[in-house]
Amino acid sequence: MDIFTILFWVIAVVLFIVSLVKSKETTISAMKKSRDMMGSMIGEIIAIIFMIGLVLTFIPPETIKTVLGTSNIYFSTVISALVGSITLIPAFVAFPLVGSLVDVGASIVPAVAFLTTLTMVGIVTFPLEKKEFGTKFAVMRNLFSFGFAIIIALLMGVVI
């Protein structure tokens, strides 16, 4: 484990003990609610693991490394951003998926482009957005979001 993980564990344990000392009943009640919430999310967590497994099974790591690696960073960034723009998956699924893609050889820039467009651009949700906010607003918001997602991805490549 790295130092940050250890630090977070220590902080969590200390705050848990402080909470127990302050009000044992409230802490136990919160723990029970957390357990119930986790129980209701277990299906989604298994689905995340299954989806990541499917992606990594059907798309070999060599292909991921070739397409999303450092061979043509600008091309792969634009392709990743386009795929992220039309994909509709929850962010809590996307984060582990992107982490897995990076682990098998994807460059950070296309991975960030995919993730940011996934959360900021909504091609699939465009009809609803157009209906609620108007065509001009929906188009402009999506275009600006796409552009800023590319900028964010490129900046992440420079920073990291």
N, C-alpha and C. Protein backbone atom coordinates (compact mmCIF):
# COMPACT_ATOMS: atom_id res chain seq x y z
N MET A 1 0.84 -1.19 0.00
CA MET A 1 0.00 0.00 0.00
C MET A 1 0.88 1.25 0.00
N ASP A 2 0.39 2.26 -0.69
CA ASP A 2 1.14 3.51 -0.70
C ASP A 2 0.78 4.34 0.54
N ILE A 3 1.50 5.41 0.72
CA ILE A 3 1.35 6.24 1.91
C ILE A 3 -0.03 6.90 1.99
N PHE A 4 -0.60 7.25 0.82
CA PHE A 4 -1.91 7.90 0.83
C PHE A 4 -3.01 6.94 1.27
N THR A 5 -2.93 5.70 0.83
CA THR A 5 -3.91 4.71 1.24
C THR A 5 -3.84 4.47 2.74
N ILE A 6 -2.63 4.34 3.25
CA ILE A 6 -2.45 4.16 4.69
C ILE A 6 -2.98 5.37 5.45
N LEU A 7 -2.68 6.56 4.94
CA LEU A 7 -3.16 7.79 5.58
C LEU A 7 -4.68 7.83 5.62
N PHE A 8 -5.34 7.49 4.52
CA PHE A 8 -6.80 7.48 4.50
C PHE A 8 -7.37 6.46 5.47
N TRP A 9 -6.75 5.29 5.57
CA TRP A 9 -7.22 4.29 6.52
C TRP A 9 -7.08 4.79 7.96
N VAL A 10 -5.96 5.40 8.26
CA VAL A 10 -5.74 5.91 9.62
C VAL A 10 -6.77 7.00 9.95
N ILE A 11 -6.99 7.91 9.02
CA ILE A 11 -7.97 8.98 9.25
C ILE A 11 -9.37 8.38 9.44
N ALA A 12 -9.73 7.40 8.62
CA ALA A 12 -11.06 6.78 8.73
C ALA A 12 -11.24 6.10 10.08
N VAL A 13 -10.23 5.37 10.52
CA VAL A 13 -10.32 4.67 11.81
C VAL A 13 -10.41 5.66 12.96
N VAL A 14 -9.59 6.71 12.92
CA VAL A 14 -9.62 7.71 13.99
C VAL A 14 -10.98 8.39 14.05
N LEU A 15 -11.51 8.78 12.89
CA LEU A 15 -12.82 9.45 12.88
C LEU A 15 -13.94 8.50 13.29
N PHE A 16 -13.80 7.23 12.95
CA PHE A 16 -14.80 6.24 13.39
C PHE A 16 -14.79 6.13 14.92
N ILE A 17 -13.62 6.08 15.50
CA ILE A 17 -13.50 5.99 16.96
C ILE A 17 -14.06 7.26 17.61
N VAL A 18 -13.75 8.41 17.05
CA VAL A 18 -14.29 9.68 17.57
C VAL A 18 -15.82 9.65 17.50
N SER A 19 -16.36 9.15 16.41
CA SER A 19 -17.81 9.07 16.26
C SER A 19 -18.42 8.12 17.30
N LEU A 20 -17.76 7.00 17.53
CA LEU A 20 -18.25 6.05 18.54
C LEU A 20 -18.25 6.68 19.93
N VAL A 21 -17.20 7.41 20.25
CA VAL A 21 -17.11 8.03 21.56
C VAL A 21 -18.18 9.11 21.71
N LYS A 22 -18.41 9.88 20.66
CA LYS A 22 -19.37 10.96 20.71
C LYS A 22 -20.80 10.44 20.85
N SER A 23 -21.17 9.45 20.02
CA SER A 23 -22.52 8.90 20.09
C SER A 23 -22.52 7.50 19.49
N LYS A 24 -22.48 6.53 20.38
CA LYS A 24 -22.42 5.14 19.94
C LYS A 24 -23.68 4.76 19.16
N GLU A 25 -24.84 5.20 19.61
CA GLU A 25 -26.11 4.84 18.96
C GLU A 25 -26.17 5.40 17.53
N THR A 26 -25.78 6.65 17.35
CA THR A 26 -25.81 7.28 16.02
C THR A 26 -24.83 6.60 15.08
N THR A 27 -23.66 6.26 15.60
CA THR A 27 -22.65 5.60 14.78
C THR A 27 -23.13 4.23 14.33
N ILE A 28 -23.70 3.45 15.25
CA ILE A 28 -24.22 2.12 14.91
C ILE A 28 -25.35 2.24 13.90
N SER A 29 -26.22 3.23 14.09
CA SER A 29 -27.31 3.47 13.14
C SER A 29 -26.77 3.80 11.75
N ALA A 30 -25.76 4.65 11.69
CA ALA A 30 -25.15 5.01 10.41
C ALA A 30 -24.49 3.80 9.75
N MET A 31 -23.85 2.95 10.56
CA MET A 31 -23.22 1.74 10.01
C MET A 31 -24.27 0.79 9.43
N LYS A 32 -25.42 0.68 10.10
CA LYS A 32 -26.49 -0.17 9.58
C LYS A 32 -27.04 0.37 8.27
N LYS A 33 -27.22 1.71 8.20
CA LYS A 33 -27.70 2.32 6.96
C LYS A 33 -26.69 2.10 5.83
N SER A 34 -25.41 2.22 6.15
CA SER A 34 -24.36 2.00 5.16
C SER A 34 -24.39 0.57 4.66
N ARG A 35 -24.56 -0.37 5.57
CA ARG A 35 -24.64 -1.77 5.17
C ARG A 35 -25.81 -2.02 4.24
N ASP A 36 -26.97 -1.42 4.57
CA ASP A 36 -28.15 -1.58 3.71
C ASP A 36 -27.93 -0.96 2.33
N MET A 37 -27.31 0.21 2.30
CA MET A 37 -27.03 0.86 1.02
C MET A 37 -26.06 0.02 0.20
N MET A 38 -25.05 -0.53 0.84
CA MET A 38 -24.08 -1.37 0.14
C MET A 38 -24.76 -2.62 -0.39
N GLY A 39 -25.67 -3.16 0.40
CA GLY A 39 -26.41 -4.35 -0.05
C GLY A 39 -27.24 -4.08 -1.29
N SER A 40 -27.80 -2.87 -1.36
CA SER A 40 -28.61 -2.55 -2.53
C SER A 40 -27.74 -2.24 -3.75
N MET A 41 -26.46 -1.93 -3.54
CA MET A 41 -25.57 -1.62 -4.66
C MET A 41 -24.75 -2.81 -5.13
N ILE A 42 -24.85 -3.94 -4.46
CA ILE A 42 -23.99 -5.07 -4.78
C ILE A 42 -24.19 -5.55 -6.21
N GLY A 43 -25.41 -5.49 -6.70
CA GLY A 43 -25.67 -5.89 -8.08
C GLY A 43 -24.96 -4.98 -9.07
N GLU A 44 -24.97 -3.69 -8.80
CA GLU A 44 -24.28 -2.74 -9.67
C GLU A 44 -22.77 -2.93 -9.62
N ILE A 45 -22.25 -3.22 -8.45
CA ILE A 45 -20.81 -3.45 -8.31
C ILE A 45 -20.39 -4.69 -9.10
N ILE A 46 -21.18 -5.74 -9.00
CA ILE A 46 -20.88 -6.95 -9.77
C ILE A 46 -20.98 -6.65 -11.26
N ALA A 47 -21.96 -5.85 -11.66
CA ALA A 47 -22.10 -5.47 -13.06
C ALA A 47 -20.87 -4.70 -13.56
N ILE A 48 -20.33 -3.83 -12.72
CA ILE A 48 -19.12 -3.08 -13.08
C ILE A 48 -17.97 -4.04 -13.34
N ILE A 49 -17.76 -4.96 -12.42
CA ILE A 49 -16.68 -5.93 -12.56
C ILE A 49 -16.89 -6.76 -13.82
N PHE A 50 -18.12 -7.18 -14.08
CA PHE A 50 -18.45 -7.97 -15.25
C PHE A 50 -18.19 -7.18 -16.54
N MET A 51 -18.61 -5.90 -16.56
CA MET A 51 -18.43 -5.07 -17.75
C MET A 51 -16.95 -4.85 -18.05
N ILE A 52 -16.17 -4.56 -17.03
CA ILE A 52 -14.74 -4.38 -17.22
C ILE A 52 -14.11 -5.67 -17.74
N GLY A 53 -14.53 -6.78 -17.18
CA GLY A 53 -14.03 -8.08 -17.65
C GLY A 53 -14.38 -8.32 -19.10
N LEU A 54 -15.61 -7.98 -19.50
CA LEU A 54 -16.01 -8.15 -20.90
C LEU A 54 -15.17 -7.29 -21.83
N VAL A 55 -14.99 -6.03 -21.46
CA VAL A 55 -14.20 -5.13 -22.30
C VAL A 55 -12.78 -5.67 -22.45
N LEU A 56 -12.18 -6.08 -21.35
CA LEU A 56 -10.80 -6.55 -21.40
C LEU A 56 -10.69 -7.94 -22.04
N THR A 57 -11.79 -8.69 -22.09
CA THR A 57 -11.78 -9.99 -22.75
C THR A 57 -11.90 -9.83 -24.26
N PHE A 58 -12.83 -9.00 -24.69
CA PHE A 58 -13.08 -8.85 -26.12
C PHE A 58 -12.08 -7.92 -26.80
N ILE A 59 -11.47 -7.04 -26.05
CA ILE A 59 -10.46 -6.15 -26.61
C ILE A 59 -9.14 -6.50 -25.93
N PRO A 60 -8.27 -7.21 -26.64
CA PRO A 60 -7.00 -7.63 -26.02
C PRO A 60 -6.13 -6.43 -25.63
N PRO A 61 -5.30 -6.60 -24.60
CA PRO A 61 -4.44 -5.50 -24.16
C PRO A 61 -3.54 -4.95 -25.27
N GLU A 62 -3.11 -5.80 -26.19
CA GLU A 62 -2.26 -5.33 -27.28
C GLU A 62 -3.01 -4.33 -28.15
N THR A 63 -4.31 -4.62 -28.40
CA THR A 63 -5.12 -3.71 -29.20
C THR A 63 -5.33 -2.39 -28.49
N ILE A 64 -5.61 -2.47 -27.21
CA ILE A 64 -5.79 -1.25 -26.42
C ILE A 64 -4.51 -0.42 -26.45
N LYS A 65 -3.37 -1.09 -26.28
CA LYS A 65 -2.09 -0.39 -26.29
C LYS A 65 -1.82 0.24 -27.65
N THR A 66 -2.20 -0.47 -28.73
CA THR A 66 -1.97 0.05 -30.08
C THR A 66 -2.89 1.23 -30.38
N VAL A 67 -4.18 1.09 -30.09
CA VAL A 67 -5.15 2.11 -30.45
C VAL A 67 -5.10 3.30 -29.50
N LEU A 68 -5.01 3.03 -28.20
CA LEU A 68 -5.06 4.10 -27.21
C LEU A 68 -3.71 4.42 -26.59
N GLY A 69 -2.67 3.79 -27.11
CA GLY A 69 -1.34 4.03 -26.58
C GLY A 69 -0.75 5.31 -27.12
N THR A 70 0.54 5.35 -27.19
CA THR A 70 1.23 6.58 -27.57
C THR A 70 1.54 6.67 -29.06
N SER A 71 1.02 5.74 -29.87
CA SER A 71 1.36 5.74 -31.30
C SER A 71 0.91 7.03 -31.99
N ASN A 72 -0.35 7.37 -31.89
CA ASN A 72 -0.86 8.63 -32.46
C ASN A 72 -1.79 9.23 -31.43
N ILE A 73 -1.23 10.00 -30.55
CA ILE A 73 -1.94 10.48 -29.37
C ILE A 73 -3.12 11.37 -29.74
N TYR A 74 -2.98 12.19 -30.76
CA TYR A 74 -4.07 13.10 -31.13
C TYR A 74 -5.24 12.35 -31.74
N PHE A 75 -4.93 11.40 -32.62
CA PHE A 75 -5.98 10.60 -33.24
C PHE A 75 -6.72 9.78 -32.19
N SER A 76 -5.98 9.10 -31.32
CA SER A 76 -6.62 8.27 -30.30
C SER A 76 -7.40 9.12 -29.30
N THR A 77 -6.95 10.35 -29.05
CA THR A 77 -7.68 11.24 -28.14
C THR A 77 -9.02 11.64 -28.74
N VAL A 78 -9.02 12.00 -30.01
CA VAL A 78 -10.27 12.39 -30.67
C VAL A 78 -11.23 11.20 -30.75
N ILE A 79 -10.73 10.03 -31.11
CA ILE A 79 -11.57 8.82 -31.18
C ILE A 79 -12.15 8.50 -29.81
N SER A 80 -11.32 8.56 -28.78
CA SER A 80 -11.79 8.30 -27.41
C SER A 80 -12.84 9.31 -26.99
N ALA A 81 -12.63 10.57 -27.36
CA ALA A 81 -13.59 11.61 -27.01
C ALA A 81 -14.92 11.40 -27.73
N LEU A 82 -14.87 10.98 -28.99
CA LEU A 82 -16.10 10.71 -29.73
C LEU A 82 -16.86 9.52 -29.12
N VAL A 83 -16.13 8.47 -28.78
CA VAL A 83 -16.77 7.30 -28.15
C VAL A 83 -17.37 7.69 -26.80
N GLY A 84 -16.65 8.47 -26.03
CA GLY A 84 -17.16 8.93 -24.74
C GLY A 84 -18.40 9.81 -24.89
N SER A 85 -18.46 10.57 -25.98
CA SER A 85 -19.60 11.46 -26.21
C SER A 85 -20.88 10.70 -26.50
N ILE A 86 -20.76 9.54 -27.14
CA ILE A 86 -21.97 8.80 -27.52
C ILE A 86 -22.27 7.65 -26.57
N THR A 87 -21.40 7.42 -25.61
CA THR A 87 -21.59 6.33 -24.67
C THR A 87 -22.39 6.83 -23.47
N LEU A 88 -23.31 6.02 -23.03
CA LEU A 88 -24.11 6.39 -21.86
C LEU A 88 -23.92 5.30 -20.80
N ILE A 89 -22.91 5.47 -19.97
CA ILE A 89 -22.70 4.59 -18.82
C ILE A 89 -22.47 5.47 -17.61
N PRO A 90 -22.87 5.00 -16.45
CA PRO A 90 -22.68 5.81 -15.24
C PRO A 90 -21.20 6.05 -14.95
N ALA A 91 -20.91 7.19 -14.37
CA ALA A 91 -19.53 7.56 -14.06
C ALA A 91 -18.88 6.54 -13.12
N PHE A 92 -19.65 5.97 -12.19
CA PHE A 92 -19.04 5.02 -11.26
C PHE A 92 -18.64 3.72 -11.96
N VAL A 93 -19.12 3.49 -13.16
CA VAL A 93 -18.65 2.37 -13.98
C VAL A 93 -17.46 2.82 -14.81
N ALA A 94 -17.51 4.06 -15.29
CA ALA A 94 -16.46 4.58 -16.18
C ALA A 94 -15.11 4.70 -15.48
N PHE A 95 -15.10 5.13 -14.23
CA PHE A 95 -13.83 5.33 -13.54
C PHE A 95 -13.01 4.04 -13.43
N PRO A 96 -13.60 2.94 -12.94
CA PRO A 96 -12.79 1.71 -12.91
C PRO A 96 -12.45 1.20 -14.31
N LEU A 97 -13.35 1.40 -15.28
CA LEU A 97 -13.07 0.97 -16.65
C LEU A 97 -11.87 1.71 -17.21
N VAL A 98 -11.83 3.02 -17.04
CA VAL A 98 -10.71 3.81 -17.52
C VAL A 98 -9.42 3.42 -16.79
N GLY A 99 -9.52 3.18 -15.50
CA GLY A 99 -8.34 2.72 -14.76
C GLY A 99 -7.81 1.41 -15.30
N SER A 100 -8.69 0.50 -15.65
CA SER A 100 -8.28 -0.78 -16.21
C SER A 100 -7.65 -0.60 -17.59
N LEU A 101 -8.21 0.30 -18.39
CA LEU A 101 -7.63 0.56 -19.72
C LEU A 101 -6.23 1.14 -19.60
N VAL A 102 -6.04 2.05 -18.66
CA VAL A 102 -4.71 2.62 -18.45
C VAL A 102 -3.75 1.55 -17.95
N ASP A 103 -4.22 0.67 -17.09
CA ASP A 103 -3.37 -0.40 -16.56
C ASP A 103 -2.87 -1.35 -17.66
N VAL A 104 -3.67 -1.54 -18.72
CA VAL A 104 -3.25 -2.46 -19.79
C VAL A 104 -2.55 -1.75 -20.94
N GLY A 105 -2.28 -0.46 -20.79
CA GLY A 105 -1.45 0.20 -21.79
C GLY A 105 -2.02 1.41 -22.48
N ALA A 106 -3.25 1.81 -22.18
CA ALA A 106 -3.79 3.01 -22.79
C ALA A 106 -3.07 4.23 -22.25
N SER A 107 -2.85 5.20 -23.11
CA SER A 107 -2.24 6.46 -22.68
C SER A 107 -3.24 7.24 -21.83
N ILE A 108 -2.73 8.06 -20.95
CA ILE A 108 -3.60 8.82 -20.06
C ILE A 108 -4.43 9.85 -20.81
N VAL A 109 -3.91 10.41 -21.89
CA VAL A 109 -4.63 11.47 -22.61
C VAL A 109 -5.92 10.95 -23.24
N PRO A 110 -5.90 9.87 -24.04
CA PRO A 110 -7.17 9.36 -24.56
C PRO A 110 -8.11 8.86 -23.46
N ALA A 111 -7.54 8.31 -22.40
CA ALA A 111 -8.37 7.83 -21.29
C ALA A 111 -9.11 8.99 -20.64
N VAL A 112 -8.42 10.09 -20.42
CA VAL A 112 -9.06 11.28 -19.83
C VAL A 112 -10.08 11.87 -20.80
N ALA A 113 -9.76 11.86 -22.10
CA ALA A 113 -10.71 12.36 -23.10
C ALA A 113 -11.99 11.55 -23.07
N PHE A 114 -11.86 10.22 -22.98
CA PHE A 114 -13.03 9.36 -22.90
C PHE A 114 -13.84 9.67 -21.65
N LEU A 115 -13.17 9.76 -20.53
CA LEU A 115 -13.86 9.97 -19.25
C LEU A 115 -14.53 11.33 -19.18
N THR A 116 -13.84 12.38 -19.61
CA THR A 116 -14.44 13.71 -19.51
C THR A 116 -15.60 13.89 -20.48
N THR A 117 -15.48 13.37 -21.70
CA THR A 117 -16.62 13.49 -22.62
C THR A 117 -17.77 12.62 -22.16
N LEU A 118 -17.46 11.51 -21.55
CA LEU A 118 -18.50 10.63 -21.04
C LEU A 118 -19.36 11.35 -20.00
N THR A 119 -18.73 12.14 -19.17
CA THR A 119 -19.46 12.82 -18.12
C THR A 119 -19.94 14.22 -18.52
N MET A 120 -19.34 14.83 -19.54
CA MET A 120 -19.68 16.21 -19.89
C MET A 120 -20.52 16.36 -21.16
N VAL A 121 -20.38 15.43 -22.10
CA VAL A 121 -21.06 15.55 -23.39
C VAL A 121 -22.17 14.51 -23.45
N GLY A 122 -23.30 14.88 -24.00
CA GLY A 122 -24.42 13.95 -24.03
C GLY A 122 -25.09 13.85 -25.39
N ILE A 123 -24.52 13.05 -26.28
CA ILE A 123 -25.16 12.84 -27.58
C ILE A 123 -26.45 12.03 -27.39
N VAL A 124 -26.40 11.01 -26.56
CA VAL A 124 -27.57 10.16 -26.34
C VAL A 124 -28.68 10.94 -25.64
N THR A 125 -28.31 11.82 -24.75
CA THR A 125 -29.31 12.59 -24.00
C THR A 125 -29.65 13.92 -24.67
N PHE A 126 -29.10 14.16 -25.86
CA PHE A 126 -29.33 15.42 -26.56
C PHE A 126 -30.81 15.72 -26.80
N PRO A 127 -31.62 14.74 -27.25
CA PRO A 127 -33.04 15.07 -27.47
C PRO A 127 -33.76 15.60 -26.23
N LEU A 128 -33.48 15.01 -25.09
CA LEU A 128 -34.09 15.50 -23.85
C LEU A 128 -33.58 16.89 -23.49
N GLU A 129 -32.28 17.08 -23.63
CA GLU A 129 -31.69 18.38 -23.32
C GLU A 129 -32.24 19.45 -24.27
N LYS A 130 -32.39 19.11 -25.54
CA LYS A 130 -32.94 20.05 -26.53
C LYS A 130 -34.37 20.42 -26.16
N LYS A 131 -35.13 19.45 -25.75
CA LYS A 131 -36.54 19.68 -25.37
C LYS A 131 -36.64 20.60 -24.16
N GLU A 132 -35.78 20.37 -23.18
CA GLU A 132 -35.86 21.12 -21.92
C GLU A 132 -35.22 22.50 -22.01
N PHE A 133 -34.11 22.63 -22.74
CA PHE A 133 -33.35 23.88 -22.72
C PHE A 133 -33.28 24.59 -24.06
N GLY A 134 -33.73 23.93 -25.12
CA GLY A 134 -33.68 24.53 -26.45
C GLY A 134 -32.49 24.03 -27.25
N THR A 135 -32.64 24.07 -28.55
CA THR A 135 -31.62 23.53 -29.45
C THR A 135 -30.30 24.29 -29.36
N LYS A 136 -30.38 25.61 -29.40
CA LYS A 136 -29.15 26.41 -29.38
C LYS A 136 -28.33 26.15 -28.12
N PHE A 137 -29.00 26.15 -26.97
CA PHE A 137 -28.31 25.90 -25.72
C PHE A 137 -27.68 24.50 -25.70
N ALA A 138 -28.46 23.50 -26.12
CA ALA A 138 -27.98 22.12 -26.09
C ALA A 138 -26.77 21.93 -27.01
N VAL A 139 -26.84 22.50 -28.20
CA VAL A 139 -25.71 22.38 -29.14
C VAL A 139 -24.49 23.09 -28.59
N MET A 140 -24.64 24.31 -28.12
CA MET A 140 -23.50 25.07 -27.61
C MET A 140 -22.89 24.41 -26.38
N ARG A 141 -23.73 23.94 -25.48
CA ARG A 141 -23.20 23.29 -24.28
C ARG A 141 -22.40 22.05 -24.65
N ASN A 142 -22.92 21.24 -25.55
CA ASN A 142 -22.21 20.03 -25.95
C ASN A 142 -20.92 20.34 -26.71
N LEU A 143 -20.94 21.34 -27.58
CA LEU A 143 -19.72 21.70 -28.31
C LEU A 143 -18.65 22.24 -27.36
N PHE A 144 -19.04 23.14 -26.45
CA PHE A 144 -18.08 23.65 -25.48
C PHE A 144 -17.56 22.53 -24.58
N SER A 145 -18.45 21.66 -24.15
CA SER A 145 -18.04 20.54 -23.30
C SER A 145 -17.06 19.64 -24.03
N PHE A 146 -17.31 19.36 -25.29
CA PHE A 146 -16.40 18.52 -26.07
C PHE A 146 -15.04 19.20 -26.20
N GLY A 147 -15.05 20.48 -26.54
CA GLY A 147 -13.79 21.21 -26.68
C GLY A 147 -13.00 21.26 -25.38
N PHE A 148 -13.68 21.56 -24.28
CA PHE A 148 -12.98 21.61 -23.00
C PHE A 148 -12.52 20.22 -22.55
N ALA A 149 -13.25 19.18 -22.91
CA ALA A 149 -12.81 17.83 -22.57
C ALA A 149 -11.50 17.50 -23.28
N ILE A 150 -11.37 17.91 -24.53
CA ILE A 150 -10.12 17.70 -25.26
C ILE A 150 -8.99 18.50 -24.61
N ILE A 151 -9.27 19.74 -24.26
CA ILE A 151 -8.26 20.58 -23.60
C ILE A 151 -7.82 19.97 -22.27
N ILE A 152 -8.79 19.50 -21.49
CA ILE A 152 -8.48 18.88 -20.20
C ILE A 152 -7.61 17.65 -20.41
N ALA A 153 -7.96 16.83 -21.40
CA ALA A 153 -7.17 15.62 -21.67
C ALA A 153 -5.74 15.97 -22.08
N LEU A 154 -5.59 16.94 -22.95
CA LEU A 154 -4.24 17.33 -23.38
C LEU A 154 -3.46 17.91 -22.22
N LEU A 155 -4.10 18.71 -21.37
CA LEU A 155 -3.42 19.25 -20.19
C LEU A 155 -3.00 18.14 -19.24
N MET A 156 -3.83 17.12 -19.09
CA MET A 156 -3.46 15.99 -18.23
C MET A 156 -2.22 15.28 -18.78
N GLY A 157 -2.12 15.22 -20.11
CA GLY A 157 -0.93 14.62 -20.72
C GLY A 157 0.32 15.41 -20.44
N VAL A 158 0.19 16.73 -20.34
CA VAL A 158 1.33 17.59 -20.05
C VAL A 158 1.70 17.52 -18.57
N VAL A 159 0.68 17.51 -17.71
CA VAL A 159 0.91 17.51 -16.26
C VAL A 159 1.44 16.16 -15.78
N ILE A 160 0.88 15.09 -16.31
CA ILE A 160 1.29 13.76 -15.83
C ILE A 160 2.35 13.20 -16.66
